[in-house]
Protein backbone atom coordinates (compact mmCIF):
# COMPACT_ATOMS: atom_id res chain seq x y z
CA MET A 1 -6.61 -12.04 4.11
CA PHE A 2 -9.87 -13.90 5.62
CA ALA A 3 -12.42 -12.10 7.75
CA TRP A 4 -12.34 -14.53 10.99
CA ARG A 5 -15.98 -16.10 11.95
CA GLU A 6 -17.10 -15.70 15.67
CA SER A 7 -17.78 -19.32 17.42
CA ALA A 8 -20.70 -19.52 19.47
CA MET A 9 -17.78 -20.03 22.42
CA SER A 10 -16.37 -16.83 21.67
CA ARG A 11 -19.91 -15.13 21.05
CA ARG A 12 -20.79 -17.03 24.45
CA SER A 13 -17.37 -15.62 26.21
CA ASP A 14 -17.90 -11.73 24.89
CA ALA A 15 -21.24 -11.88 26.88
CA ALA A 16 -20.16 -13.37 29.82
CA ALA A 17 -16.62 -10.74 29.71
CA ARG A 18 -19.68 -7.93 29.59
CA SER A 19 -21.56 -8.99 32.15
CA THR A 20 -18.70 -9.24 34.72
CA PRO A 21 -16.31 -6.98 36.29
CA LEU A 22 -12.62 -6.30 34.39
CA GLU A 23 -11.16 -6.71 37.62
CA SER A 24 -12.02 -9.97 38.38
CA GLN A 25 -11.58 -11.46 35.13
CA PRO A 26 -8.77 -13.52 34.10
CA ARG A 27 -5.65 -11.66 32.46
CA VAL A 28 -5.73 -11.50 28.30
CA VAL A 29 -2.38 -12.27 26.83
CA LEU A 30 -2.45 -11.67 23.33
CA ILE A 31 0.64 -13.40 20.97
CA THR A 32 1.27 -13.04 17.59
CA GLY A 33 3.24 -15.95 15.20
CA ALA A 34 1.17 -18.71 17.66
CA SER A 35 -0.14 -21.49 15.24
CA GLY A 36 3.13 -23.48 16.26
CA GLY A 37 6.45 -23.30 17.22
CA ILE A 38 8.01 -21.03 20.12
CA GLY A 39 4.06 -19.20 20.11
CA LYS A 40 2.19 -22.19 20.54
CA ALA A 41 4.69 -23.13 23.45
CA THR A 42 3.93 -20.03 24.79
CA ALA A 43 0.23 -19.91 24.61
CA LEU A 44 0.14 -23.03 26.29
CA GLY A 45 2.10 -22.19 28.74
CA LEU A 46 -0.29 -18.91 29.76
CA ALA A 47 -2.94 -20.89 28.92
CA ARG A 48 -2.52 -23.53 31.68
CA ALA A 49 -1.90 -20.73 33.93
CA GLY A 50 -5.68 -19.59 33.74
CA MET A 51 -4.79 -16.85 31.29
CA HIS A 52 -7.34 -15.55 28.86
CA LEU A 53 -5.36 -16.10 25.35
CA ALA A 54 -5.76 -14.34 21.85
CA ILE A 55 -3.91 -15.91 18.73
CA VAL A 56 -2.78 -14.36 15.60
CA GLY A 57 -1.54 -16.67 13.07
CA ARG A 58 -1.13 -16.63 9.36
CA ASP A 59 -2.91 -20.19 8.29
CA ARG A 60 -6.35 -20.59 8.86
CA GLN A 61 -6.47 -24.44 9.59
CA ARG A 62 -3.21 -24.75 11.65
CA THR A 63 -4.54 -22.01 13.94
CA GLU A 64 -8.07 -23.04 14.24
CA ALA A 65 -6.09 -26.34 15.69
CA ALA A 66 -3.87 -24.98 17.99
CA ALA A 67 -6.50 -22.70 19.23
CA LEU A 68 -8.91 -25.96 20.00
CA GLU A 69 -5.26 -27.71 21.80
CA ILE A 70 -4.52 -24.43 23.61
CA ARG A 71 -8.31 -24.55 24.69
CA GLU A 72 -8.54 -27.84 25.67
CA ALA A 73 -4.73 -27.69 27.84
CA GLY A 74 -6.22 -24.39 30.16
CA ALA A 75 -9.47 -25.36 29.86
CA GLY A 76 -10.12 -21.05 29.50
CA THR A 77 -10.82 -19.06 26.69
CA VAL A 78 -8.60 -18.76 23.51
CA ASP A 79 -9.69 -15.87 20.60
CA ALA A 80 -8.62 -16.57 17.18
CA PHE A 81 -7.18 -14.59 15.08
CA ILE A 82 -6.22 -15.20 11.02
CA ALA A 83 -3.70 -12.39 9.90
CA ASP A 84 -0.76 -12.44 7.17
CA LEU A 85 1.23 -9.54 9.42
CA SER A 86 3.24 -9.13 6.43
CA SER A 87 1.08 -7.17 5.03
CA GLN A 88 0.37 -3.74 6.63
CA ALA A 89 -3.08 -3.98 5.52
CA GLU A 90 -3.58 -7.08 7.30
CA VAL A 91 -1.82 -6.13 10.77
CA ARG A 92 -4.40 -2.88 10.58
CA ARG A 93 -7.20 -4.96 10.39
CA VAL A 94 -6.85 -7.59 12.79
CA ALA A 95 -5.83 -4.88 15.29
CA ASP A 96 -9.46 -3.55 14.04
CA GLU A 97 -10.67 -7.48 15.14
CA VAL A 98 -9.07 -6.99 18.45
CA GLN A 99 -10.09 -3.78 19.97
CA GLN A 100 -13.73 -4.50 18.79
CA ARG A 101 -13.77 -7.83 20.46
CA MET A 102 -11.01 -8.49 23.72
CA PRO A 103 -12.88 -6.51 26.73
CA ARG A 104 -8.85 -5.83 27.44
CA ILE A 105 -5.45 -6.77 26.81
CA ASP A 106 -3.03 -7.06 29.82
CA VAL A 107 -0.35 -8.57 27.46
CA LEU A 108 1.43 -8.18 24.19
CA VAL A 109 3.46 -10.93 23.11
CA ASN A 110 5.08 -9.80 19.98
CA ASN A 111 6.82 -13.48 19.13
CA VAL A 112 6.03 -13.82 15.49
CA GLY A 113 9.42 -14.04 12.86
CA GLY A 114 10.68 -15.66 10.44
CA PHE A 115 13.97 -16.46 8.38
CA TRP A 116 14.23 -16.26 4.51
CA GLN A 117 17.65 -17.44 2.68
CA THR A 118 16.40 -15.34 -0.58
CA ARG A 119 14.85 -11.83 -1.23
CA HIS A 120 11.02 -12.04 -0.72
CA VAL A 121 9.04 -8.64 -1.63
CA THR A 122 5.99 -7.94 0.10
CA VAL A 123 2.97 -6.91 -0.69
CA ASP A 124 3.73 -3.36 0.70
CA GLY A 125 7.23 -3.07 -1.48
CA LEU A 126 8.79 -4.25 1.51
CA GLU A 127 11.62 -7.06 1.99
CA ARG A 128 9.68 -10.18 3.70
CA THR A 129 12.24 -10.51 6.84
CA PHE A 130 12.33 -6.23 7.74
CA ALA A 131 8.10 -6.05 7.47
CA VAL A 132 7.78 -9.42 8.80
CA ASN A 133 10.44 -9.50 11.88
CA HIS A 134 10.21 -5.67 12.52
CA LEU A 135 7.24 -3.94 11.31
CA ALA A 136 4.99 -6.13 11.94
CA PRO A 137 5.11 -6.40 15.59
CA PHE A 138 5.92 -2.36 15.59
CA LEU A 139 2.64 -1.44 13.89
CA LEU A 140 0.38 -3.93 16.08
CA THR A 141 2.09 -2.45 18.82
CA ASN A 142 1.51 1.06 18.58
CA LEU A 143 -2.52 0.33 16.68
CA LEU A 144 -2.88 -1.56 19.92
CA LEU A 145 -1.69 0.73 22.90
CA ASP A 146 -4.60 2.37 23.83
CA LEU A 147 -6.06 -0.97 24.60
CA LEU A 148 -2.71 -1.19 26.54
CA ARG A 149 -2.60 2.02 28.22
CA ARG A 150 -6.45 1.55 29.74
CA ASN A 151 -5.18 -1.55 30.92
CA ALA A 152 -2.34 -0.78 32.84
CA PRO A 153 -0.20 -2.25 34.36
CA SER A 154 0.02 -4.25 31.10
CA ARG A 155 2.88 -5.32 29.39
CA VAL A 156 4.75 -5.71 25.88
CA VAL A 157 6.72 -8.45 25.27
CA THR A 158 9.04 -8.72 21.89
CA VAL A 159 10.86 -11.94 21.05
CA SER A 160 14.18 -11.32 19.40
CA SER A 161 17.81 -13.15 19.84
CA ASN A 162 20.79 -13.17 20.62
CA ALA A 163 21.37 -12.99 16.60
CA HIS A 164 20.98 -9.08 17.68
CA ARG A 165 24.66 -8.95 18.76
CA THR A 166 26.21 -9.19 14.67
CA GLY A 167 23.47 -6.98 13.55
CA ARG A 168 23.97 -3.41 12.44
CA ILE A 169 20.79 -1.16 11.38
CA ASP A 170 21.68 -0.23 7.67
CA PHE A 171 19.64 3.23 7.39
CA ASP A 172 21.44 3.08 3.56
CA ASP A 173 19.94 -0.28 2.46
CA LEU A 174 16.96 -1.37 5.18
CA GLN A 175 15.63 -3.05 2.51
CA GLY A 176 18.48 -4.86 1.07
CA GLU A 177 18.03 -3.57 -2.17
CA ARG A 178 21.83 -3.21 -3.03
CA SER A 179 23.13 -5.94 -1.21
CA TYR A 180 20.72 -9.47 0.63
CA SER A 181 21.80 -12.15 3.05
CA GLY A 182 19.33 -13.66 4.49
CA SER A 183 21.38 -13.94 7.77
CA ARG A 184 22.26 -10.36 7.76
CA ALA A 185 19.15 -9.41 7.78
CA TYR A 186 17.74 -11.56 10.13
CA ASP A 187 20.71 -10.40 12.45
CA GLN A 188 19.47 -6.79 11.47
CA SER A 189 15.73 -7.02 12.15
CA LYS A 190 16.35 -9.02 15.38
CA LEU A 191 18.21 -6.03 16.38
CA ALA A 192 15.55 -3.76 15.79
CA ASN A 193 13.40 -5.61 18.06
CA VAL A 194 15.47 -4.90 20.78
CA LEU A 195 15.92 -0.97 20.02
CA PHE A 196 12.01 -1.10 19.38
CA ALA A 197 12.01 -2.57 22.66
CA PHE A 198 13.58 -0.06 24.55
CA GLU A 199 12.47 3.03 22.73
CA LEU A 200 8.93 2.33 23.27
CA ALA A 201 9.92 1.70 26.94
CA ARG A 202 11.24 5.39 27.11
CA ARG A 203 7.66 6.52 25.26
CA LEU A 204 5.69 4.83 28.17
CA HIS A 205 7.85 6.33 30.84
CA GLY A 206 5.11 6.22 33.37
CA THR A 207 2.21 4.89 32.14
CA ARG A 208 2.17 1.62 33.60
CA VAL A 209 2.88 0.22 30.22
CA THR A 210 6.19 -2.04 30.07
CA SER A 211 7.94 -3.34 27.49
CA ASN A 212 11.12 -5.74 27.60
CA ALA A 213 12.79 -8.14 24.92
CA LEU A 214 14.40 -10.97 24.87
CA HIS A 215 15.97 -14.36 23.45
CA PRO A 216 14.41 -17.80 23.68
CA GLY A 217 17.39 -19.55 22.88
CA VAL A 218 18.65 -22.09 20.06
CA VAL A 219 14.92 -23.95 20.15
CA ARG A 220 13.53 -26.98 17.32
CA THR A 221 11.07 -25.86 15.28
CA SER A 222 10.71 -25.24 11.55
CA PHE A 223 11.82 -21.82 11.63
CA GLY A 224 13.07 -20.78 8.31
CA ALA A 225 12.29 -23.98 6.52
CA GLU A 226 10.14 -22.10 4.33
CA ASP A 227 13.69 -20.79 2.27
CA PRO A 228 16.25 -21.94 4.32
CA ALA A 229 20.09 -21.39 4.21
CA ALA A 230 22.54 -23.98 3.62
CA VAL A 231 23.48 -24.42 7.00
CA GLN A 232 19.85 -25.05 8.24
CA ARG A 233 19.64 -28.27 5.92
CA THR A 234 22.90 -29.50 6.72
CA ILE A 235 24.42 -28.59 9.86
CA VAL A 236 21.25 -27.81 11.84
CA PRO A 237 19.52 -31.53 11.51
CA LEU A 238 22.92 -32.30 13.53
CA LEU A 239 22.72 -30.42 16.41
CA ARG A 240 18.76 -30.51 16.56
CA PRO A 241 18.85 -33.58 19.41
CA PHE A 242 21.08 -30.58 21.41
CA MET A 243 18.52 -27.70 21.15
CA LYS A 244 15.86 -26.52 23.16
CA THR A 245 11.91 -27.85 23.05
CA PRO A 246 9.57 -25.39 22.00
CA ALA A 247 8.13 -25.49 25.96
CA GLN A 248 11.52 -24.21 26.73
CA GLY A 249 12.36 -21.55 24.45
CA ALA A 250 9.11 -20.68 25.26
CA ALA A 251 9.92 -20.27 28.98
CA THR A 252 11.69 -16.72 28.82
CA SER A 253 8.55 -15.15 27.40
CA ILE A 254 6.05 -16.78 30.08
CA HIS A 255 8.41 -15.54 32.56
CA LEU A 256 8.17 -12.05 31.18
CA SER A 257 3.78 -12.48 30.76
CA THR A 258 3.75 -12.80 34.00
CA ALA A 259 6.15 -12.78 36.52
CA PRO A 260 4.88 -10.13 40.00
CA ASP A 261 8.12 -9.20 39.92
CA LEU A 262 8.74 -7.82 36.43
CA GLU A 263 5.61 -5.56 36.43
CA GLN A 264 7.71 -2.37 36.50
CA ILE A 265 10.65 -3.52 35.09
CA THR A 266 11.03 -1.91 31.55
CA GLY A 267 13.42 -1.58 29.02
CA GLY A 268 15.89 -4.57 29.20
CA PHE A 269 16.96 -7.48 27.84
CA PHE A 270 16.56 -11.42 29.11
CA SER A 271 17.70 -14.54 28.59
CA SER A 272 17.14 -17.88 30.51
CA SER A 273 14.28 -15.89 32.08
CA ALA A 274 17.46 -13.24 33.63
CA ARG A 275 18.01 -9.80 33.04
CA VAL A 276 21.08 -9.53 30.49
CA ARG A 277 22.96 -6.90 28.86
CA PRO A 278 22.26 -6.92 25.29
CA SER A 279 24.82 -5.60 22.32
CA ARG A 280 26.31 -2.23 22.23
CA ARG A 281 24.05 -1.31 19.63
CA GLY A 282 20.94 -2.57 20.92
CA GLU A 283 21.68 0.38 24.04
CA ASP A 284 22.45 2.81 21.47
CA GLN A 285 19.46 5.56 21.53
CA ALA A 286 19.95 7.61 18.82
CA VAL A 287 19.53 4.68 16.26
CA ALA A 288 16.81 3.71 18.31
CA GLU A 289 14.74 7.01 17.71
CA HIS A 290 15.95 7.34 14.12
CA LEU A 291 14.58 3.56 13.37
CA TRP A 292 11.44 4.26 15.24
CA LEU A 293 10.84 7.50 13.12
CA VAL A 294 11.64 5.48 9.35
CA SER A 295 9.64 2.68 10.70
CA SER A 296 6.76 5.52 11.37
CA GLU A 297 7.03 6.45 7.54
CA LEU A 298 7.11 3.07 6.29
CA VAL A 299 3.94 2.33 8.10
CA GLY A 300 1.89 5.35 7.70
CA LEU A 301 1.90 6.35 11.27
CA ASP A 302 2.85 9.66 13.36
CA ALA A 303 5.98 9.49 14.88
CA PRO A 304 6.29 12.59 17.63
CA ARG A 305 9.64 12.67 19.54
CA PRO A 306 9.80 11.53 23.06
CA SER A 307 8.88 14.71 25.87
């Protein structure tokens, strides 16, 4: 969407990175959907832990403001990238920019996501919920895998939801062309997140790159506000006092990104920073492999079967 113009601070940090041995640099965490909500809260928590943050956001003004807030909270380096991840061209462009500007990535947090009650179509002709919630992290992760492998041990953390438990992958109508429901599309995309994380873990076995998924909880954010369902307009306001804060919702993402005892744990689903059993459909390897192949075709990637 936009070409990001590096700030003087970014140029200085890049120069410092080139002159400092990689092993002595802070761990670098790239977070998508980090201009607000759980993504920004995750970035704030990791910045306070001394991480070098790179954030991706769709809106330039909000992303710049978030980068400033995160930088002030952590007193460290924050790189910002602008991209609308509903567009595959934008995903590819931002992946190229990340590889050009970042000396390393130690953790990729696939946080971007959304809910739309009515069916929307992206510039690529795909249903928006499936494109943003599943295909965007699927494509971005694959494009950054070489960078993650080079800096192993590294981690891929994918934000899913307990909504995956009621999801079903409808290969005959993935794009909701014949029948669309906002909640059904969302649940399907969250199940796709779990299947992707587990299949990625299988494909990366032995590489020291781990892949795990998580449920952040029910969090007070503006999630779904762009095109809300009736329940979001009527019931959710009544429940907001009982929902988690964004910082509480970010806790499991932060745990999966930093906990030393998780360095070799892969293919797991976590809630409240503890490993839990996903749904039976979430553990279906045959569906996961088929989804990987179909997703690869939709984003134009070669998809060799795991060895």
